[in-house]
């Protein structure tokens, strides 16, 4: 059951299959032993590795796409970018 929760919510989708990957096993270890783990660091490293892999093998995949979208939305980064683009467009017109 823990593997199902982890696969569907915490760790990004991998190559598929029912067998847990090493990342899944490590995550379960920390979860079950209640050891502290730096989850944001793990997520960031995984995102970097996946993005590098996608450039190498021409694979279109963004890890944690929903998380990135939520960060951009909650941080109002998209609204700030819209303002900057509007100001740039206005300065080009003048």
C-alpha atoms as a PDB file:
ATOM      1  CA  UNK A   1       0.000   0.000   0.000  1.00  0.00           C
ATOM      2  CA  UNK A   2       2.857   2.390   0.842  1.00  0.00           C
ATOM      3  CA  UNK A   3       4.374   1.726  -2.570  1.00  0.00           C
ATOM      4  CA  UNK A   4       1.081   2.649  -4.256  1.00  0.00           C
ATOM      5  CA  UNK A   5       0.770   5.921  -2.308  1.00  0.00           C
ATOM      6  CA  UNK A   6       4.399   6.736  -3.028  1.00  0.00           C
ATOM      7  CA  UNK A   7       4.139   5.921  -6.743  1.00  0.00           C
ATOM      8  CA  UNK A   8       1.000   7.954  -7.275  1.00  0.00           C
ATOM      9  CA  UNK A   9       1.788  10.979  -5.144  1.00  0.00           C
ATOM     10  CA  UNK A  10       5.365  11.406  -3.979  1.00  0.00           C
ATOM     11  CA  UNK A  11       7.789  10.119  -6.573  1.00  0.00           C
ATOM     12  CA  UNK A  12       7.635  10.829 -10.277  1.00  0.00           C
ATOM     13  CA  UNK A  13       6.665   8.155 -12.727  1.00  0.00           C
ATOM     14  CA  UNK A  14       9.523   6.056 -13.961  1.00  0.00           C
ATOM     15  CA  UNK A  15       9.911   3.362 -16.542  1.00  0.00           C
ATOM     16  CA  UNK A  16       6.902   1.521 -15.215  1.00  0.00           C
ATOM     17  CA  UNK A  17       6.542  -1.926 -13.795  1.00  0.00           C
ATOM     18  CA  UNK A  18       5.439  -3.144 -10.421  1.00  0.00           C
ATOM     19  CA  UNK A  19       8.899  -3.466  -8.918  1.00  0.00           C
ATOM     20  CA  UNK A  20      10.131  -0.524  -6.847  1.00  0.00           C
ATOM     21  CA  UNK A  21      13.196   1.321  -8.099  1.00  0.00           C
ATOM     22  CA  UNK A  22      16.185   2.141  -5.895  1.00  0.00           C
ATOM     23  CA  UNK A  23      14.734   5.625  -5.311  1.00  0.00           C
ATOM     24  CA  UNK A  24      11.486   4.074  -4.118  1.00  0.00           C
ATOM     25  CA  UNK A  25      13.327   1.712  -1.785  1.00  0.00           C
ATOM     26  CA  UNK A  26      15.403   4.555  -0.315  1.00  0.00           C
ATOM     27  CA  UNK A  27      12.281   6.663   0.182  1.00  0.00           C
ATOM     28  CA  UNK A  28      10.463   3.783   1.883  1.00  0.00           C
ATOM     29  CA  UNK A  29      13.480   3.224   4.140  1.00  0.00           C
ATOM     30  CA  UNK A  30      13.425   6.830   5.350  1.00  0.00           C
ATOM     31  CA  UNK A  31       9.656   6.761   5.694  1.00  0.00           C
ATOM     32  CA  UNK A  32       9.508   3.530   7.688  1.00  0.00           C
ATOM     33  CA  UNK A  33      12.507   4.250   9.930  1.00  0.00           C
ATOM     34  CA  UNK A  34      11.376   7.847  10.447  1.00  0.00           C
ATOM     35  CA  UNK A  35      14.857   9.114   9.703  1.00  0.00           C
ATOM     36  CA  UNK A  36      15.050  12.711   8.586  1.00  0.00           C
ATOM     37  CA  UNK A  37      15.569  13.257   4.884  1.00  0.00           C
ATOM     38  CA  UNK A  38      15.968  16.415   2.846  1.00  0.00           C
ATOM     39  CA  UNK A  39      13.057  15.828   0.444  1.00  0.00           C
ATOM     40  CA  UNK A  40      13.304  19.180  -1.404  1.00  0.00           C
ATOM     41  CA  UNK A  41      16.975  18.448  -2.112  1.00  0.00           C
ATOM     42  CA  UNK A  42      16.065  14.986  -3.422  1.00  0.00           C
ATOM     43  CA  UNK A  43      13.312  16.427  -5.640  1.00  0.00           C
ATOM     44  CA  UNK A  44      15.611  19.129  -7.012  1.00  0.00           C
ATOM     45  CA  UNK A  45      18.394  16.629  -7.786  1.00  0.00           C
ATOM     46  CA  UNK A  46      15.924  14.321  -9.496  1.00  0.00           C
ATOM     47  CA  UNK A  47      14.561  17.207 -11.576  1.00  0.00           C
ATOM     48  CA  UNK A  48      18.077  18.188 -12.707  1.00  0.00           C
ATOM     49  CA  UNK A  49      18.983  14.592 -13.605  1.00  0.00           C
ATOM     50  CA  UNK A  50      15.766  14.059 -15.539  1.00  0.00           C
ATOM     51  CA  UNK A  51      16.140  17.323 -17.435  1.00  0.00           C
ATOM     52  CA  UNK A  52      19.717  16.383 -18.397  1.00  0.00           C
ATOM     53  CA  UNK A  53      18.526  12.936 -19.500  1.00  0.00           C
ATOM     54  CA  UNK A  54      15.737  14.475 -21.559  1.00  0.00           C
ATOM     55  CA  UNK A  55      18.264  16.616 -23.446  1.00  0.00           C
ATOM     56  CA  UNK A  56      20.479  13.626 -24.145  1.00  0.00           C
ATOM     57  CA  UNK A  57      17.842  11.179 -25.360  1.00  0.00           C
ATOM     58  CA  UNK A  58      15.325  13.682 -26.772  1.00  0.00           C
ATOM     59  CA  UNK A  59      12.721  12.688 -24.208  1.00  0.00           C
ATOM     60  CA  UNK A  60       9.957  15.239 -23.536  1.00  0.00           C
ATOM     61  CA  UNK A  61       9.192  14.946 -19.849  1.00  0.00           C
ATOM     62  CA  UNK A  62       9.127  17.487 -17.039  1.00  0.00           C
ATOM     63  CA  UNK A  63       9.500  15.887 -13.615  1.00  0.00           C
ATOM     64  CA  UNK A  64       7.145  17.208 -10.958  1.00  0.00           C
ATOM     65  CA  UNK A  65       5.322  19.302 -13.541  1.00  0.00           C
ATOM     66  CA  UNK A  66       2.362  19.853 -11.240  1.00  0.00           C
ATOM     67  CA  UNK A  67       4.626  20.896  -8.393  1.00  0.00           C
ATOM     68  CA  UNK A  68       6.436  23.392 -10.608  1.00  0.00           C
ATOM     69  CA  UNK A  69       3.107  24.796 -11.811  1.00  0.00           C
ATOM     70  CA  UNK A  70       1.891  25.176  -8.245  1.00  0.00           C
ATOM     71  CA  UNK A  71       5.100  26.935  -7.171  1.00  0.00           C
ATOM     72  CA  UNK A  72       4.817  29.333 -10.097  1.00  0.00           C
ATOM     73  CA  UNK A  73       1.151  29.985  -9.316  1.00  0.00           C
ATOM     74  CA  UNK A  74       1.479  30.334  -5.521  1.00  0.00           C
ATOM     75  CA  UNK A  75       4.591  32.484  -5.818  1.00  0.00           C
ATOM     76  CA  UNK A  76       2.758  34.703  -8.311  1.00  0.00           C
ATOM     77  CA  UNK A  77       5.757  34.395 -10.606  1.00  0.00           C
ATOM     78  CA  UNK A  78       3.504  34.167 -13.649  1.00  0.00           C
ATOM     79  CA  UNK A  79       1.815  37.480 -12.793  1.00  0.00           C
ATOM     80  CA  UNK A  80       5.211  39.144 -12.340  1.00  0.00           C
ATOM     81  CA  UNK A  81       6.356  37.797 -15.722  1.00  0.00           C
ATOM     82  CA  UNK A  82       3.197  39.119 -17.379  1.00  0.00           C
ATOM     83  CA  UNK A  83       3.898  42.586 -15.955  1.00  0.00           C
ATOM     84  CA  UNK A  84       7.492  42.489 -17.192  1.00  0.00           C
ATOM     85  CA  UNK A  85       6.412  41.381 -20.666  1.00  0.00           C
ATOM     86  CA  UNK A  86       3.780  44.122 -20.785  1.00  0.00           C
ATOM     87  CA  UNK A  87       6.356  46.751 -19.795  1.00  0.00           C
ATOM     88  CA  UNK A  88       8.790  45.436 -22.397  1.00  0.00           C
ATOM     89  CA  UNK A  89       6.134  45.526 -25.116  1.00  0.00           C
ATOM     90  CA  UNK A  90       5.185  49.087 -24.150  1.00  0.00           C
ATOM     91  CA  UNK A  91       8.809  50.206 -24.271  1.00  0.00           C
ATOM     92  CA  UNK A  92       9.220  48.651 -27.733  1.00  0.00           C
ATOM     93  CA  UNK A  93       6.142  50.459 -29.060  1.00  0.00           C
ATOM     94  CA  UNK A  94       7.439  53.865 -27.945  1.00  0.00           C
END
